[in-house]
Amino acid sequence: MADILPIRAWRYNDAKAADLEDLSAPLFDVVSKAQREQLYKNPYNSIHLSVPLGPNPAANALKKLNEWKAEEVIKLDTVPGIYVYYQYFKLHGENKEYVRKGFICNIRIYDWDDKENINSPDAILRHENTIPDAVNDRIELLEATEIQASPTHGLYSDKEYQLEKYMDEAIQHPIAETEDYQGVKDVLGVIHDYDIIKKFVEVLKTRAVILADGHHRYEGALSYYKKRKAENPNHDGSEPYNFHMMYLTNIESDDLRILPTHRLISGLQSFDKEEILEKAAEWFIIKPVDNAFDIGEVILGKPWAFGLVFKNQTVKIRLKPEMIDKIEWKFPDIVKKLDLTVLHYFFIEKVLGIPGKEQRKSPNITFERNFTSCINSVTTGQAQCALITQELSVEDVKKVCYSGYTLPQKSTYFYPKTVSGFLFGSLKENEFYTTPRISF
C-alpha cells in the first residue's frame, strides 16, 4: 500500500519573485506553443524547469535551477510539510462552483514490473499507456536536475473523509492564491503539525493509489529510480530517489471531473472518406448529423457512440451491439466494453488500418481535448478527420485499474489540471531530508 512522506520543498521567495501567477505554468504535456513563447519571456517562470529551451534542454534547466538557488529566487523549506492544494472551478454551461481538495507529498515509487515485491502491484495502479518519446524526455530532465517541477496526480479512496477536516483548516490560512490559465482559482496551504502529518501517513498506508494524471512523469521517475538503485550497492530504500512528488485527491469526492479527449487523424496515405464510411458500415450504425457542433450532444450518454467529423460531412457512428464479442484483443470484459477500446479496435484498427500495437507510437493519431479545436483542425485541413469521444466515468477508471489492464493512451483528462511552479521537489539527499531526519 502507499507509503508517503511530507515534502521539504523549494518554493519561490516572495522577496525576489512575488507574483506567483506570473511564475506558474501549465503542465508540460498541455502547454501550448503560444503559451510557451509568452512564459519563456519571464526568466523566473517555472517553465524553464518543466519544459526547458535550447538544443540541450536538460542542461539548460540545471543551469537555470542553480542560478535560482544562488540568487535565492527559490528557497528551501527548513522543515517538511503536507501541502494542501485546493482548486475552485466551474464547468462550461454550469453555475455551480466545484472545489477539488487534495494535498501534495512525497510518495514511494512502486515498480509495476517488480513481481517479487508483494506491495508493488497494489500500491500505485496505472490506468493508461504512455507515449515513449515523452517518457524519455522526462527521464533526461530528472537525471540532469534532480528536481520535480510539478506533482503527478493520484487518487486514493477514503469514504470516511478522514483527512478533509485537516485540509479545510489549513486552507483557511493560505500561503499562495492565484488564478491560473484555466480560469481556476488555485489555493495552497501547508500543514507542519507532526501528529496531523502522521495521520495522513497512516491513512495512506492502508490505501492503494490510482495514478490519474502524469503517467509520463511517473514512468520517468520510475526509470530514474531503477537506474540509481542499480548503481547503489548500499541501497536501503530510504534514498530520495525512492520517492516521487504527487498530488493526492479522494476519489470518493463529488468534485472529481474527467473530460473527454478526442482523436485527430492525419497523414494517412490514400485517405478516402467514402471508402472509410463503407468499411465502417460493417461494424457501425452510421447516421448523418447536419451540424458538426451538435455531435457532442448527439452521442451523449449512448454507449459505443462517437462523432466522426470530415471536412464537409459529420456522422454519428455507433457500434452494432452484436459486434462487441468480435474484439480479439485479450482484455477482460470490463476493458473490452469501454467506449475507447471499441473506438481503437473497431475504427482505428479495423477501419483505418492502424494496428493496435502500433497506435501508441503512430504519428497519424494526435489528441485534442478542445472540441472546437477538433472541428477547426478538420475544416482547415490540418487533420483528415476527428473522432469525438465521451468522458470516461471515475467508476470505469477504478474497474480498469483493478483489472490489472490499462486503457489506450490519453484516455482521460482529469480537470482541472494542476499547475507547475507552486512547489519544486528535490531528490538530493541534503535537500530531501532535514538533519536530523524526522521519522513518520
Protein backbone atom coordinates (compact mmCIF):
# COMPACT_ATOMS: atom_id res chain seq x y z
CA MET A 1 0.00 0.00 0.00
CA ALA A 2 1.01 3.65 -0.39
CA ASP A 3 3.95 4.97 1.62
CA ILE A 4 4.04 8.77 1.82
CA LEU A 5 6.26 11.41 3.43
CA PRO A 6 5.83 15.15 3.93
CA ILE A 7 7.77 17.18 1.41
CA ARG A 8 10.62 19.58 2.03
CA ALA A 9 10.00 21.83 -0.94
CA TRP A 10 11.79 24.55 -2.82
CA ARG A 11 9.39 27.50 -3.21
CA TYR A 12 9.57 30.91 -4.80
CA ASN A 13 10.97 33.58 -2.50
CA ASP A 14 8.39 36.37 -2.11
CA ALA A 15 11.17 38.93 -1.73
CA LYS A 16 12.61 38.05 -5.15
CA ALA A 17 9.64 36.82 -7.15
CA ALA A 18 6.42 37.93 -5.56
CA ASP A 19 3.72 37.31 -8.20
CA LEU A 20 3.20 33.57 -8.30
CA GLU A 21 0.58 33.95 -11.03
CA ASP A 22 3.36 35.07 -13.40
CA LEU A 23 5.64 32.22 -12.32
CA SER A 24 3.36 29.20 -12.65
CA ALA A 25 2.84 27.33 -15.95
CA PRO A 26 0.65 24.62 -17.47
CA LEU A 27 1.96 21.06 -17.27
CA PHE A 28 4.50 20.04 -19.93
CA ASP A 29 2.03 17.91 -21.91
CA VAL A 30 -0.74 20.52 -22.15
CA VAL A 31 1.15 23.82 -22.52
CA SER A 32 0.59 25.25 -25.99
CA LYS A 33 3.26 26.72 -28.25
CA ALA A 34 1.79 30.20 -27.82
CA GLN A 35 1.78 29.81 -24.02
CA ARG A 36 5.40 28.65 -24.05
CA GLU A 37 6.58 31.62 -26.07
CA GLN A 38 4.92 34.01 -23.64
CA LEU A 39 6.09 32.24 -20.48
CA TYR A 40 9.71 31.97 -21.65
CA LYS A 41 9.90 35.79 -21.59
CA ASN A 42 9.88 35.69 -17.80
CA PRO A 43 13.36 34.50 -16.70
CA TYR A 44 11.91 33.15 -13.44
CA ASN A 45 8.87 31.29 -14.77
CA SER A 46 8.74 27.61 -13.78
CA ILE A 47 8.52 26.57 -17.44
CA HIS A 48 12.32 26.92 -17.59
CA LEU A 49 12.47 23.81 -15.37
CA SER A 50 9.47 21.87 -16.68
CA VAL A 51 9.85 22.49 -20.45
CA PRO A 52 13.34 23.99 -20.86
CA LEU A 53 14.54 25.63 -24.07
CA GLY A 54 17.57 25.04 -26.28
CA PRO A 55 19.40 22.23 -28.09
CA ASN A 56 20.32 20.73 -24.70
CA PRO A 57 17.20 21.47 -22.63
CA ALA A 58 18.08 19.33 -19.59
CA ALA A 59 21.46 21.10 -19.18
CA ASN A 60 19.74 24.47 -19.57
CA ALA A 61 17.24 23.54 -16.85
CA LEU A 62 20.08 22.61 -14.49
CA LYS A 63 21.86 25.91 -15.17
CA LYS A 64 18.68 27.86 -14.51
CA LEU A 65 17.97 25.89 -11.32
CA ASN A 66 21.45 26.59 -9.93
CA GLU A 67 21.12 30.27 -10.76
CA TRP A 68 17.79 30.48 -8.93
CA LYS A 69 19.25 28.80 -5.87
CA ALA A 70 22.31 31.08 -5.83
CA GLU A 71 20.20 34.23 -6.29
CA GLU A 72 17.63 32.99 -3.74
CA VAL A 73 14.85 33.22 -6.28
CA ILE A 74 13.69 29.96 -4.68
CA LYS A 75 14.23 28.96 -1.06
CA LEU A 76 14.26 25.52 0.60
CA ASP A 77 11.84 24.71 3.41
CA THR A 78 13.50 24.39 6.80
CA VAL A 79 11.07 21.62 7.77
CA PRO A 80 8.92 19.28 5.65
CA GLY A 81 5.16 19.64 5.41
CA ILE A 82 2.00 18.38 3.79
CA TYR A 83 0.97 21.00 1.22
CA VAL A 84 -2.80 21.35 0.90
CA TYR A 85 -3.89 22.30 -2.63
CA TYR A 86 -7.47 23.31 -3.45
CA GLN A 87 -8.75 24.16 -6.93
CA TYR A 88 -12.00 26.13 -7.29
CA PHE A 89 -13.62 25.90 -10.72
CA LYS A 90 -16.79 25.87 -12.82
CA LEU A 91 -17.63 23.76 -15.87
CA HIS A 92 -18.87 25.17 -19.14
CA GLY A 93 -22.63 25.73 -19.03
CA GLU A 94 -22.89 25.27 -15.25
CA ASN A 95 -23.20 27.82 -12.44
CA LYS A 96 -22.08 25.51 -9.64
CA GLU A 97 -18.62 26.12 -8.23
CA TYR A 98 -16.66 22.94 -7.58
CA VAL A 99 -13.65 22.58 -5.34
CA ARG A 100 -11.20 19.73 -5.78
CA LYS A 101 -9.43 19.11 -2.49
CA GLY A 102 -6.07 17.44 -2.22
CA PHE A 103 -2.56 17.56 -0.84
CA ILE A 104 1.00 17.33 -2.16
CA CYS A 105 3.52 14.97 -0.60
CA ASN A 106 6.29 12.54 -1.48
CA ILE A 107 5.19 9.00 -2.29
CA ARG A 108 7.32 5.90 -2.53
CA ILE A 109 7.78 4.71 -6.12
CA TYR A 110 6.46 1.26 -6.92
CA ASP A 111 7.62 -0.77 -9.88
CA TRP A 112 4.73 -2.37 -11.75
CA ASP A 113 7.09 -5.00 -13.16
CA ASP A 114 8.63 -6.00 -9.82
CA LYS A 115 6.76 -9.23 -9.15
CA GLU A 116 8.96 -10.08 -6.16
CA ASN A 117 7.68 -7.08 -4.22
CA ILE A 118 4.26 -8.14 -2.99
CA ASN A 119 3.29 -4.50 -2.35
CA SER A 120 4.25 -3.37 -5.84
CA PRO A 121 1.11 -4.29 -7.81
CA ASP A 122 -1.21 -2.81 -5.17
CA ALA A 123 0.46 0.43 -4.12
CA ILE A 124 0.13 2.53 -7.29
CA LEU A 125 -2.13 1.49 -10.14
CA ARG A 126 -1.95 2.92 -13.66
CA HIS A 127 -4.95 3.23 -15.96
CA GLU A 128 -3.48 4.14 -19.34
CA ASN A 129 -0.46 3.59 -21.56
CA THR A 130 2.17 6.22 -22.25
CA ILE A 131 3.87 7.64 -25.32
CA PRO A 132 7.55 6.54 -25.25
CA ASP A 133 9.18 9.74 -26.54
CA ALA A 134 7.52 11.82 -23.83
CA VAL A 135 8.83 9.44 -21.15
CA ASN A 136 12.40 9.69 -22.45
CA ASP A 137 12.21 13.47 -22.26
CA ARG A 138 11.17 13.32 -18.59
CA ILE A 139 13.98 10.87 -17.72
CA GLU A 140 16.69 13.13 -19.18
CA LEU A 141 15.34 16.14 -17.33
CA LEU A 142 15.14 14.36 -13.98
CA GLU A 143 18.63 12.88 -14.30
CA ALA A 144 20.13 16.31 -15.02
CA THR A 145 18.32 18.42 -12.42
CA GLU A 146 17.22 16.01 -9.66
CA ILE A 147 14.21 18.29 -9.31
CA GLN A 148 10.47 17.75 -9.84
CA ALA A 149 8.76 20.86 -11.18
CA SER A 150 5.20 19.59 -10.83
CA PRO A 151 3.38 16.82 -8.97
CA THR A 152 1.69 13.92 -10.68
CA HIS A 153 -1.94 13.32 -9.67
CA GLY A 154 -3.03 10.27 -7.70
CA LEU A 155 -6.39 9.11 -6.36
CA TYR A 156 -6.99 7.31 -3.08
CA SER A 157 -10.28 6.05 -1.66
CA ASP A 158 -11.45 7.25 1.74
CA LYS A 159 -15.22 7.03 2.18
CA GLU A 160 -14.92 8.33 5.75
CA TYR A 161 -13.21 11.55 4.60
CA GLN A 162 -10.73 11.34 7.46
CA LEU A 163 -8.29 13.95 6.11
CA GLU A 164 -10.62 16.64 4.76
CA LYS A 165 -11.09 18.38 8.11
CA TYR A 166 -7.35 18.94 8.43
CA MET A 167 -7.13 20.20 4.87
CA ASP A 168 -10.11 22.51 5.34
CA GLU A 169 -8.45 24.03 8.38
CA ALA A 170 -5.11 24.53 6.64
CA ILE A 171 -6.64 26.16 3.56
CA GLN A 172 -8.14 28.88 5.80
CA HIS A 173 -4.59 30.22 6.12
CA PRO A 174 -3.31 30.17 2.55
CA ILE A 175 0.33 30.76 1.69
CA ALA A 176 -0.44 31.26 -2.00
CA GLU A 177 -3.52 32.07 -4.07
CA THR A 178 -3.67 32.57 -7.84
CA GLU A 179 -5.94 32.31 -10.86
CA ASP A 180 -4.35 30.06 -13.46
CA TYR A 181 -4.56 29.77 -17.26
CA GLN A 182 -7.73 27.64 -16.99
CA GLY A 183 -9.55 30.34 -15.04
CA VAL A 184 -9.24 28.11 -11.98
CA LYS A 185 -8.52 29.57 -8.55
CA ASP A 186 -5.59 27.68 -7.01
CA VAL A 187 -5.08 27.96 -3.25
CA LEU A 188 -2.13 26.49 -1.35
CA GLY A 189 -1.82 25.86 2.38
CA VAL A 190 0.62 23.86 4.48
CA ILE A 191 0.48 21.52 7.49
CA HIS A 192 3.56 21.28 9.70
CA ASP A 193 1.97 19.67 12.77
CA TYR A 194 3.71 16.32 13.36
CA ASP A 195 0.64 14.49 14.70
CA ILE A 196 -1.55 15.61 11.80
CA ILE A 197 1.08 14.66 9.23
CA LYS A 198 1.35 11.26 10.89
CA LYS A 199 -2.42 10.86 10.44
CA PHE A 200 -2.01 11.43 6.68
CA VAL A 201 0.78 8.86 6.56
CA GLU A 202 -1.28 6.28 8.47
CA VAL A 203 -4.41 6.71 6.33
CA LEU A 204 -2.48 6.25 3.07
CA LYS A 205 -0.70 3.16 4.39
CA THR A 206 -3.99 1.27 4.07
CA ARG A 207 -4.81 2.56 0.57
CA ALA A 208 -3.83 1.88 -2.99
CA VAL A 209 -3.34 4.92 -5.22
CA ILE A 210 -4.62 5.16 -8.78
CA LEU A 211 -2.36 7.26 -10.98
CA ALA A 212 -4.81 9.73 -12.55
CA ASP A 213 -2.52 12.14 -14.37
CA GLY A 214 1.20 12.27 -15.02
CA HIS A 215 1.94 8.76 -16.30
CA HIS A 216 4.91 10.05 -18.32
CA ARG A 217 6.43 11.87 -15.35
CA TYR A 218 5.85 8.88 -13.09
CA GLU A 219 7.46 6.48 -15.55
CA GLY A 220 10.37 8.90 -15.86
CA ALA A 221 10.77 8.84 -12.08
CA LEU A 222 10.48 5.04 -12.09
CA SER A 223 13.27 4.72 -14.67
CA TYR A 224 15.42 7.12 -12.65
CA TYR A 225 14.78 5.05 -9.51
CA LYS A 226 15.77 1.80 -11.26
CA LYS A 227 19.00 3.31 -12.56
CA ARG A 228 20.04 4.82 -9.23
CA LYS A 229 19.15 1.64 -7.34
CA ALA A 230 21.25 -0.47 -9.72
CA GLU A 231 24.21 1.89 -9.24
CA ASN A 232 24.00 1.85 -5.43
CA PRO A 233 25.40 -1.30 -3.75
CA ASN A 234 24.25 0.06 -0.38
CA HIS A 235 20.66 0.74 -1.42
CA ASP A 236 18.35 0.54 1.62
CA GLY A 237 15.13 2.13 0.39
CA SER A 238 15.44 5.43 2.24
CA GLU A 239 17.26 7.30 -0.53
CA PRO A 240 15.39 10.27 -2.05
CA TYR A 241 15.28 8.59 -5.47
CA ASN A 242 12.83 6.08 -3.95
CA PHE A 243 10.19 8.84 -3.82
CA HIS A 244 8.16 10.99 -6.17
CA MET A 245 6.14 14.19 -5.70
CA MET A 246 2.39 13.57 -6.02
CA TYR A 247 -0.88 15.46 -5.56
CA LEU A 248 -3.41 13.15 -3.90
CA THR A 249 -7.19 13.56 -4.01
CA ASN A 250 -10.01 11.47 -2.61
CA ILE A 251 -11.71 9.51 -5.41
CA GLU A 252 -14.93 9.48 -3.41
CA SER A 253 -15.31 13.25 -3.79
CA ASP A 254 -18.14 14.62 -5.94
CA ASP A 255 -15.81 17.29 -7.30
CA LEU A 256 -13.58 14.96 -9.31
CA ARG A 257 -14.17 15.59 -13.01
CA ILE A 258 -12.94 13.76 -16.13
CA LEU A 259 -13.31 15.41 -19.53
CA PRO A 260 -13.11 13.57 -22.87
CA THR A 261 -10.01 13.59 -25.06
CA HIS A 262 -10.78 13.42 -28.77
CA ARG A 263 -8.67 11.85 -31.53
CA LEU A 264 -7.41 13.62 -34.66
CA ILE A 265 -6.32 11.55 -37.67
CA SER A 266 -3.83 12.98 -40.16
CA GLY A 267 -1.21 11.93 -42.69
CA LEU A 268 -2.83 8.64 -43.75
CA GLN A 269 -1.96 7.64 -47.30
CA SER A 270 -4.84 7.18 -49.76
CA PHE A 271 -7.33 8.65 -47.30
CA ASP A 272 -10.77 8.34 -48.87
CA LYS A 273 -13.90 9.40 -46.98
CA GLU A 274 -16.31 7.22 -48.92
CA GLU A 275 -14.12 4.16 -48.54
CA ILE A 276 -13.83 4.78 -44.81
CA LEU A 277 -17.60 5.08 -44.41
CA GLU A 278 -18.10 1.90 -46.42
CA LYS A 279 -15.69 -0.03 -44.19
CA ALA A 280 -17.21 1.48 -41.05
CA ALA A 281 -20.68 0.32 -42.09
CA GLU A 282 -19.60 -3.29 -41.46
CA TRP A 283 -19.14 -2.54 -37.78
CA PHE A 284 -21.14 0.61 -37.04
CA ILE A 285 -24.59 2.08 -37.47
CA ILE A 286 -23.99 5.37 -39.28
CA LYS A 287 -26.30 8.38 -39.12
CA PRO A 288 -25.67 11.82 -40.65
CA VAL A 289 -25.55 14.94 -38.45
CA ASP A 290 -26.33 18.31 -40.03
CA ASN A 291 -24.11 20.46 -37.80
CA ALA A 292 -20.70 19.27 -36.63
CA PHE A 293 -21.02 21.36 -33.48
CA ASP A 294 -24.08 19.31 -32.42
CA ILE A 295 -22.25 15.97 -32.43
CA GLY A 296 -21.32 16.09 -28.75
CA GLU A 297 -24.97 16.25 -27.73
CA VAL A 298 -25.99 13.66 -30.33
CA ILE A 299 -23.69 10.98 -28.90
CA LEU A 300 -24.08 11.96 -25.23
CA GLY A 301 -24.98 9.07 -22.97
CA LYS A 302 -25.06 6.50 -25.75
CA PRO A 303 -22.68 3.55 -25.32
CA TRP A 304 -20.16 2.89 -28.09
CA ALA A 305 -21.20 6.07 -29.92
CA PHE A 306 -18.77 8.56 -31.46
CA GLY A 307 -18.71 11.56 -33.71
CA LEU A 308 -16.83 11.19 -36.99
CA VAL A 309 -16.10 14.60 -38.46
CA PHE A 310 -14.81 15.10 -42.01
CA LYS A 311 -14.22 18.43 -43.72
CA ASN A 312 -17.62 18.54 -45.38
CA GLN A 313 -19.57 15.86 -43.52
CA THR A 314 -20.29 14.77 -39.95
CA VAL A 315 -21.82 11.46 -38.89
CA LYS A 316 -22.60 9.63 -35.70
CA ILE A 317 -21.17 6.13 -35.61
CA ARG A 318 -22.41 3.60 -33.06
CA LEU A 319 -21.14 0.05 -32.79
CA LYS A 320 -23.64 -2.62 -33.75
CA PRO A 321 -24.35 -4.46 -30.47
CA GLU A 322 -23.72 -7.89 -32.00
CA MET A 323 -20.16 -6.86 -32.89
CA ILE A 324 -18.88 -6.33 -29.34
CA ASP A 325 -17.92 -10.01 -28.93
CA LYS A 326 -15.73 -9.87 -32.03
CA ILE A 327 -12.95 -7.96 -30.25
CA GLU A 328 -9.89 -10.19 -30.45
CA TRP A 329 -7.70 -8.17 -28.11
CA LYS A 330 -7.07 -10.21 -24.97
CA PHE A 331 -8.72 -7.94 -22.44
CA PRO A 332 -11.23 -8.69 -19.69
CA ASP A 333 -14.84 -7.74 -20.48
CA ILE A 334 -14.68 -4.52 -18.45
CA VAL A 335 -11.93 -3.23 -20.75
CA LYS A 336 -13.36 -4.69 -23.97
CA LYS A 337 -16.70 -2.96 -23.46
CA LEU A 338 -15.33 0.52 -22.79
CA ASP A 339 -16.04 3.16 -25.42
CA LEU A 340 -12.37 3.87 -26.07
CA THR A 341 -11.49 0.21 -26.54
CA VAL A 342 -14.30 -0.04 -29.09
CA LEU A 343 -13.05 3.08 -30.87
CA HIS A 344 -9.43 1.97 -31.04
CA TYR A 345 -10.23 -1.61 -32.06
CA PHE A 346 -13.14 -1.31 -34.47
CA PHE A 347 -12.45 2.06 -36.03
CA ILE A 348 -8.75 2.89 -35.69
CA GLU A 349 -7.56 -0.68 -36.30
CA LYS A 350 -10.29 -2.28 -38.43
CA VAL A 351 -11.44 0.73 -40.45
CA LEU A 352 -8.35 2.94 -40.63
CA GLY A 353 -5.89 0.05 -40.64
CA ILE A 354 -3.61 1.17 -37.78
CA PRO A 355 -2.86 -1.98 -35.74
CA GLY A 356 -3.36 -1.75 -32.01
CA LYS A 357 0.30 -2.48 -31.25
CA GLU A 358 1.33 0.50 -33.41
CA GLN A 359 -1.19 3.00 -32.10
CA ARG A 360 0.91 4.20 -29.16
CA LYS A 361 3.67 5.40 -31.47
CA SER A 362 1.58 6.28 -34.51
CA PRO A 363 2.28 9.75 -35.95
CA ASN A 364 -1.20 9.60 -37.52
CA ILE A 365 -3.01 9.89 -34.19
CA THR A 366 -2.97 13.04 -32.08
CA PHE A 367 -5.10 14.05 -29.13
CA GLU A 368 -7.15 17.15 -28.52
CA ARG A 369 -9.34 17.97 -25.55
CA ASN A 370 -10.92 21.11 -27.01
CA PHE A 371 -13.94 20.22 -29.13
CA THR A 372 -13.88 23.41 -31.19
CA SER A 373 -10.19 22.95 -31.97
CA CYS A 374 -11.00 19.49 -33.33
CA ILE A 375 -13.58 20.87 -35.72
CA ASN A 376 -11.25 23.67 -36.81
CA SER A 377 -8.39 21.24 -37.43
CA VAL A 378 -10.58 19.28 -39.84
CA THR A 379 -12.15 22.23 -41.63
CA THR A 380 -8.74 23.85 -42.19
CA GLY A 381 -7.24 20.61 -43.49
CA GLN A 382 -4.75 20.14 -40.64
CA ALA A 383 -6.47 16.83 -39.84
CA GLN A 384 -8.19 14.37 -42.18
CA CYS A 385 -10.92 13.59 -39.68
CA ALA A 386 -11.76 13.89 -36.00
CA LEU A 387 -13.13 11.22 -33.68
CA ILE A 388 -15.27 12.81 -30.98
CA THR A 389 -15.47 10.83 -27.74
CA GLN A 390 -17.39 10.95 -24.48
CA GLU A 391 -16.00 11.30 -20.99
CA LEU A 392 -14.93 8.24 -19.02
CA SER A 393 -16.51 7.72 -15.60
CA VAL A 394 -14.49 7.51 -12.40
CA GLU A 395 -16.04 4.09 -11.78
CA ASP A 396 -14.71 2.84 -15.13
CA VAL A 397 -11.22 4.08 -14.25
CA LYS A 398 -11.43 2.15 -10.96
CA LYS A 399 -12.54 -1.04 -12.68
CA VAL A 400 -9.80 -0.90 -15.29
CA CYS A 401 -7.11 -0.33 -12.67
CA TYR A 402 -8.29 -3.19 -10.51
CA SER A 403 -8.41 -5.49 -13.56
CA GLY A 404 -4.65 -5.08 -13.98
CA TYR A 405 -5.03 -3.76 -17.53
CA THR A 406 -4.66 -0.28 -18.99
CA LEU A 407 -6.65 1.99 -21.28
CA PRO A 408 -5.34 3.41 -24.56
CA GLN A 409 -3.09 6.45 -24.10
CA LYS A 410 -4.78 9.80 -23.44
CA SER A 411 -8.00 8.14 -22.31
CA THR A 412 -8.75 10.60 -19.55
CA TYR A 413 -8.40 14.31 -18.91
CA PHE A 414 -8.82 14.95 -15.22
CA TYR A 415 -9.99 18.53 -14.81
CA PRO A 416 -8.71 20.90 -13.74
CA LYS A 417 -5.04 20.24 -14.37
CA THR A 418 -2.59 21.02 -11.60
CA VAL A 419 -0.05 23.71 -12.44
CA SER A 420 3.72 23.77 -12.34
CA GLY A 421 5.63 26.16 -10.11
CA PHE A 422 3.96 26.13 -6.70
CA LEU A 423 6.49 23.64 -5.35
CA PHE A 424 9.70 22.06 -6.57
CA GLY A 425 10.60 18.67 -5.09
CA SER A 426 14.30 17.89 -4.80
CA LEU A 427 15.81 14.40 -4.91
CA LYS A 428 19.17 15.47 -3.47
CA GLU A 429 19.93 13.86 -0.12
CA ASN A 430 20.83 17.11 1.68
CA GLU A 431 17.70 18.84 0.32
CA PHE A 432 15.21 16.00 0.64
CA TYR A 433 15.78 15.33 4.33
CA THR A 434 16.37 17.64 7.27
CA THR A 435 19.13 16.97 9.79
CA PRO A 436 18.33 15.15 11.96
CA ARG A 437 15.73 13.23 9.98
CA ILE A 438 12.16 13.33 11.26
CA SER A 439 10.62 9.86 11.41
CA PHE A 440 7.00 9.22 10.44
